[in-house]
Amino acid sequence: MKAATQGLDLEVMRGAKTLLSHEKVHLVLLEITFDDTYLDAPSAAETLSYMRSMDFRLLSFYKMHFRNGFASWIDALFVNPNAKMLIRPE
Protein backbone atom coordinates (compact mmCIF):
# COMPACT_ATOMS: atom_id res chain seq x y z
CA MET A 1 0.00 0.00 0.00
CA LYS A 2 1.26 3.51 -0.77
CA ALA A 3 -0.37 6.69 0.43
CA ALA A 4 0.43 10.17 -0.87
CA THR A 5 -2.48 12.22 0.34
CA GLN A 6 -0.94 15.62 1.06
CA GLY A 7 -1.04 15.57 4.85
CA LEU A 8 -3.91 13.13 5.24
CA ASP A 9 -1.80 9.96 5.28
CA LEU A 10 -2.58 9.20 8.93
CA GLU A 11 -6.32 9.57 8.27
CA VAL A 12 -6.00 7.06 5.43
CA MET A 13 -4.21 4.65 7.77
CA ARG A 14 -6.94 5.09 10.38
CA GLY A 15 -9.51 4.32 7.69
CA ALA A 16 -7.58 1.17 6.79
CA LYS A 17 -7.48 -0.02 10.42
CA THR A 18 -9.27 -3.29 9.65
CA LEU A 19 -6.88 -4.14 6.83
CA LEU A 20 -3.86 -3.21 8.92
CA SER A 21 -4.98 -5.13 12.00
CA HIS A 22 -5.90 -8.27 10.06
CA GLU A 23 -2.46 -8.41 8.41
CA LYS A 24 -3.86 -7.87 4.91
CA VAL A 25 -1.22 -5.20 4.30
CA HIS A 26 2.46 -6.04 4.63
CA LEU A 27 4.16 -2.76 3.73
CA VAL A 28 3.08 0.87 3.96
CA LEU A 29 4.91 3.81 2.37
CA LEU A 30 3.66 7.20 3.51
CA GLU A 31 4.75 10.76 4.13
CA ILE A 32 5.65 12.04 7.57
CA THR A 33 5.66 15.83 8.00
CA PHE A 34 7.84 17.85 10.35
CA ASP A 35 6.43 21.32 9.73
CA ASP A 36 3.23 23.11 8.73
CA THR A 37 3.41 22.20 5.03
CA TYR A 38 -0.15 20.86 5.28
CA LEU A 39 -2.82 22.49 7.43
CA ASP A 40 -3.70 20.32 10.45
CA ALA A 41 -1.30 17.52 9.43
CA PRO A 42 -0.47 15.15 12.29
CA SER A 43 2.93 15.36 13.93
CA ALA A 44 5.65 12.87 13.05
CA ALA A 45 5.35 11.43 16.56
CA GLU A 46 1.59 10.90 16.14
CA THR A 47 2.06 9.07 12.83
CA LEU A 48 4.89 6.91 14.18
CA SER A 49 2.87 6.09 17.30
CA TYR A 50 -0.20 5.06 15.31
CA MET A 51 1.75 2.79 12.99
CA ARG A 52 3.40 1.19 16.02
CA SER A 53 -0.02 0.62 17.60
CA MET A 54 -1.00 -1.28 14.43
CA ASP A 55 2.11 -3.50 14.90
CA PHE A 56 3.96 -1.88 11.99
CA ARG A 57 7.63 -1.12 12.45
CA LEU A 58 9.64 1.57 10.74
CA LEU A 59 11.86 -0.06 8.16
CA SER A 60 13.47 2.97 6.50
CA PHE A 61 13.20 6.64 5.55
CA TYR A 62 13.51 7.87 1.95
CA LYS A 63 13.75 11.22 0.18
CA MET A 64 14.05 13.86 2.88
CA HIS A 65 12.60 17.16 1.68
CA PHE A 66 13.57 20.57 3.03
CA ARG A 67 11.82 23.91 3.09
CA ASN A 68 13.70 27.10 3.96
CA GLY A 69 16.64 25.00 5.14
CA PHE A 70 14.63 22.87 7.58
CA ALA A 71 13.31 19.31 7.38
CA SER A 72 9.80 19.46 5.94
CA TRP A 73 8.73 15.90 5.15
CA ILE A 74 10.05 12.45 4.40
CA ASP A 75 8.75 9.17 3.00
CA ALA A 76 8.67 6.39 5.59
CA LEU A 77 8.42 2.67 4.88
CA PHE A 78 6.73 0.51 7.51
CA VAL A 79 6.52 -3.28 7.66
CA ASN A 80 4.29 -5.58 9.64
CA PRO A 81 6.70 -8.23 10.93
CA ASN A 82 3.76 -10.50 11.84
CA ALA A 83 2.23 -10.56 8.34
CA LYS A 84 2.52 -13.76 6.39
CA MET A 85 4.31 -12.65 3.25
CA LEU A 86 4.37 -14.88 0.24
CA ILE A 87 7.86 -16.24 -0.11
CA ARG A 88 8.78 -18.22 -3.18
CA PRO A 89 10.61 -21.43 -2.27
CA GLU A 90 14.09 -21.75 -3.75
C-alpha atoms as a PDB file:
ATOM      1  CA  MET A   1       0.000   0.000   0.000  1.00  0.00           C
ATOM      2  CA  LYS A   2       1.258   3.513  -0.771  1.00  0.00           C
ATOM      3  CA  ALA A   3      -0.374   6.686   0.434  1.00  0.00           C
ATOM      4  CA  ALA A   4       0.430  10.168  -0.871  1.00  0.00           C
ATOM      5  CA  THR A   5      -2.476  12.222   0.343  1.00  0.00           C
ATOM      6  CA  GLN A   6      -0.939  15.625   1.062  1.00  0.00           C
ATOM      7  CA  GLY A   7      -1.040  15.569   4.849  1.00  0.00           C
ATOM      8  CA  LEU A   8      -3.914  13.126   5.242  1.00  0.00           C
ATOM      9  CA  ASP A   9      -1.797   9.958   5.285  1.00  0.00           C
ATOM     10  CA  LEU A  10      -2.582   9.205   8.927  1.00  0.00           C
ATOM     11  CA  GLU A  11      -6.319   9.568   8.265  1.00  0.00           C
ATOM     12  CA  VAL A  12      -6.003   7.056   5.428  1.00  0.00           C
ATOM     13  CA  MET A  13      -4.210   4.648   7.770  1.00  0.00           C
ATOM     14  CA  ARG A  14      -6.941   5.094  10.378  1.00  0.00           C
ATOM     15  CA  GLY A  15      -9.513   4.324   7.686  1.00  0.00           C
ATOM     16  CA  ALA A  16      -7.575   1.168   6.795  1.00  0.00           C
ATOM     17  CA  LYS A  17      -7.484  -0.024  10.415  1.00  0.00           C
ATOM     18  CA  THR A  18      -9.272  -3.292   9.655  1.00  0.00           C
ATOM     19  CA  LEU A  19      -6.882  -4.140   6.827  1.00  0.00           C
ATOM     20  CA  LEU A  20      -3.864  -3.208   8.919  1.00  0.00           C
ATOM     21  CA  SER A  21      -4.978  -5.127  12.002  1.00  0.00           C
ATOM     22  CA  HIS A  22      -5.899  -8.268  10.059  1.00  0.00           C
ATOM     23  CA  GLU A  23      -2.460  -8.414   8.411  1.00  0.00           C
ATOM     24  CA  LYS A  24      -3.861  -7.873   4.909  1.00  0.00           C
ATOM     25  CA  VAL A  25      -1.217  -5.205   4.302  1.00  0.00           C
ATOM     26  CA  HIS A  26       2.463  -6.042   4.635  1.00  0.00           C
ATOM     27  CA  LEU A  27       4.163  -2.763   3.727  1.00  0.00           C
ATOM     28  CA  VAL A  28       3.079   0.870   3.961  1.00  0.00           C
ATOM     29  CA  LEU A  29       4.908   3.812   2.372  1.00  0.00           C
ATOM     30  CA  LEU A  30       3.657   7.199   3.506  1.00  0.00           C
ATOM     31  CA  GLU A  31       4.747  10.765   4.129  1.00  0.00           C
ATOM     32  CA  ILE A  32       5.650  12.042   7.572  1.00  0.00           C
ATOM     33  CA  THR A  33       5.665  15.831   7.997  1.00  0.00           C
ATOM     34  CA  PHE A  34       7.840  17.853  10.348  1.00  0.00           C
ATOM     35  CA  ASP A  35       6.429  21.324   9.729  1.00  0.00           C
ATOM     36  CA  ASP A  36       3.227  23.110   8.732  1.00  0.00           C
ATOM     37  CA  THR A  37       3.412  22.204   5.033  1.00  0.00           C
ATOM     38  CA  TYR A  38      -0.147  20.865   5.275  1.00  0.00           C
ATOM     39  CA  LEU A  39      -2.822  22.486   7.432  1.00  0.00           C
ATOM     40  CA  ASP A  40      -3.696  20.322  10.454  1.00  0.00           C
ATOM     41  CA  ALA A  41      -1.303  17.520   9.425  1.00  0.00           C
ATOM     42  CA  PRO A  42      -0.466  15.154  12.294  1.00  0.00           C
ATOM     43  CA  SER A  43       2.931  15.361  13.931  1.00  0.00           C
ATOM     44  CA  ALA A  44       5.646  12.870  13.046  1.00  0.00           C
ATOM     45  CA  ALA A  45       5.347  11.433  16.559  1.00  0.00           C
ATOM     46  CA  GLU A  46       1.594  10.903  16.136  1.00  0.00           C
ATOM     47  CA  THR A  47       2.063   9.072  12.834  1.00  0.00           C
ATOM     48  CA  LEU A  48       4.888   6.908  14.182  1.00  0.00           C
ATOM     49  CA  SER A  49       2.869   6.095  17.295  1.00  0.00           C
ATOM     50  CA  TYR A  50      -0.203   5.060  15.311  1.00  0.00           C
ATOM     51  CA  MET A  51       1.751   2.788  12.988  1.00  0.00           C
ATOM     52  CA  ARG A  52       3.401   1.190  16.022  1.00  0.00           C
ATOM     53  CA  SER A  53      -0.018   0.619  17.600  1.00  0.00           C
ATOM     54  CA  MET A  54      -1.004  -1.279  14.433  1.00  0.00           C
ATOM     55  CA  ASP A  55       2.112  -3.497  14.898  1.00  0.00           C
ATOM     56  CA  PHE A  56       3.957  -1.880  11.994  1.00  0.00           C
ATOM     57  CA  ARG A  57       7.633  -1.120  12.454  1.00  0.00           C
ATOM     58  CA  LEU A  58       9.636   1.574  10.738  1.00  0.00           C
ATOM     59  CA  LEU A  59      11.858  -0.059   8.162  1.00  0.00           C
ATOM     60  CA  SER A  60      13.466   2.974   6.504  1.00  0.00           C
ATOM     61  CA  PHE A  61      13.200   6.639   5.553  1.00  0.00           C
ATOM     62  CA  TYR A  62      13.506   7.873   1.951  1.00  0.00           C
ATOM     63  CA  LYS A  63      13.747  11.220   0.177  1.00  0.00           C
ATOM     64  CA  MET A  64      14.051  13.858   2.884  1.00  0.00           C
ATOM     65  CA  HIS A  65      12.604  17.163   1.680  1.00  0.00           C
ATOM     66  CA  PHE A  66      13.566  20.565   3.029  1.00  0.00           C
ATOM     67  CA  ARG A  67      11.820  23.915   3.088  1.00  0.00           C
ATOM     68  CA  ASN A  68      13.699  27.104   3.958  1.00  0.00           C
ATOM     69  CA  GLY A  69      16.638  25.002   5.136  1.00  0.00           C
ATOM     70  CA  PHE A  70      14.629  22.870   7.582  1.00  0.00           C
ATOM     71  CA  ALA A  71      13.313  19.308   7.378  1.00  0.00           C
ATOM     72  CA  SER A  72       9.803  19.461   5.935  1.00  0.00           C
ATOM     73  CA  TRP A  73       8.728  15.903   5.148  1.00  0.00           C
ATOM     74  CA  ILE A  74      10.047  12.447   4.404  1.00  0.00           C
ATOM     75  CA  ASP A  75       8.746   9.165   3.003  1.00  0.00           C
ATOM     76  CA  ALA A  76       8.673   6.389   5.591  1.00  0.00           C
ATOM     77  CA  LEU A  77       8.421   2.669   4.878  1.00  0.00           C
ATOM     78  CA  PHE A  78       6.731   0.513   7.511  1.00  0.00           C
ATOM     79  CA  VAL A  79       6.525  -3.277   7.656  1.00  0.00           C
ATOM     80  CA  ASN A  80       4.289  -5.578   9.640  1.00  0.00           C
ATOM     81  CA  PRO A  81       6.698  -8.234  10.935  1.00  0.00           C
ATOM     82  CA  ASN A  82       3.757 -10.497  11.837  1.00  0.00           C
ATOM     83  CA  ALA A  83       2.228 -10.556   8.344  1.00  0.00           C
ATOM     84  CA  LYS A  84       2.522 -13.757   6.393  1.00  0.00           C
ATOM     85  CA  MET A  85       4.312 -12.648   3.248  1.00  0.00           C
ATOM     86  CA  LEU A  86       4.371 -14.881   0.237  1.00  0.00           C
ATOM     87  CA  ILE A  87       7.860 -16.243  -0.115  1.00  0.00           C
ATOM     88  CA  ARG A  88       8.780 -18.216  -3.182  1.00  0.00           C
ATOM     89  CA  PRO A  89      10.614 -21.432  -2.271  1.00  0.00           C
ATOM     90  CA  GLU A  90      14.086 -21.746  -3.753  1.00  0.00           C
END
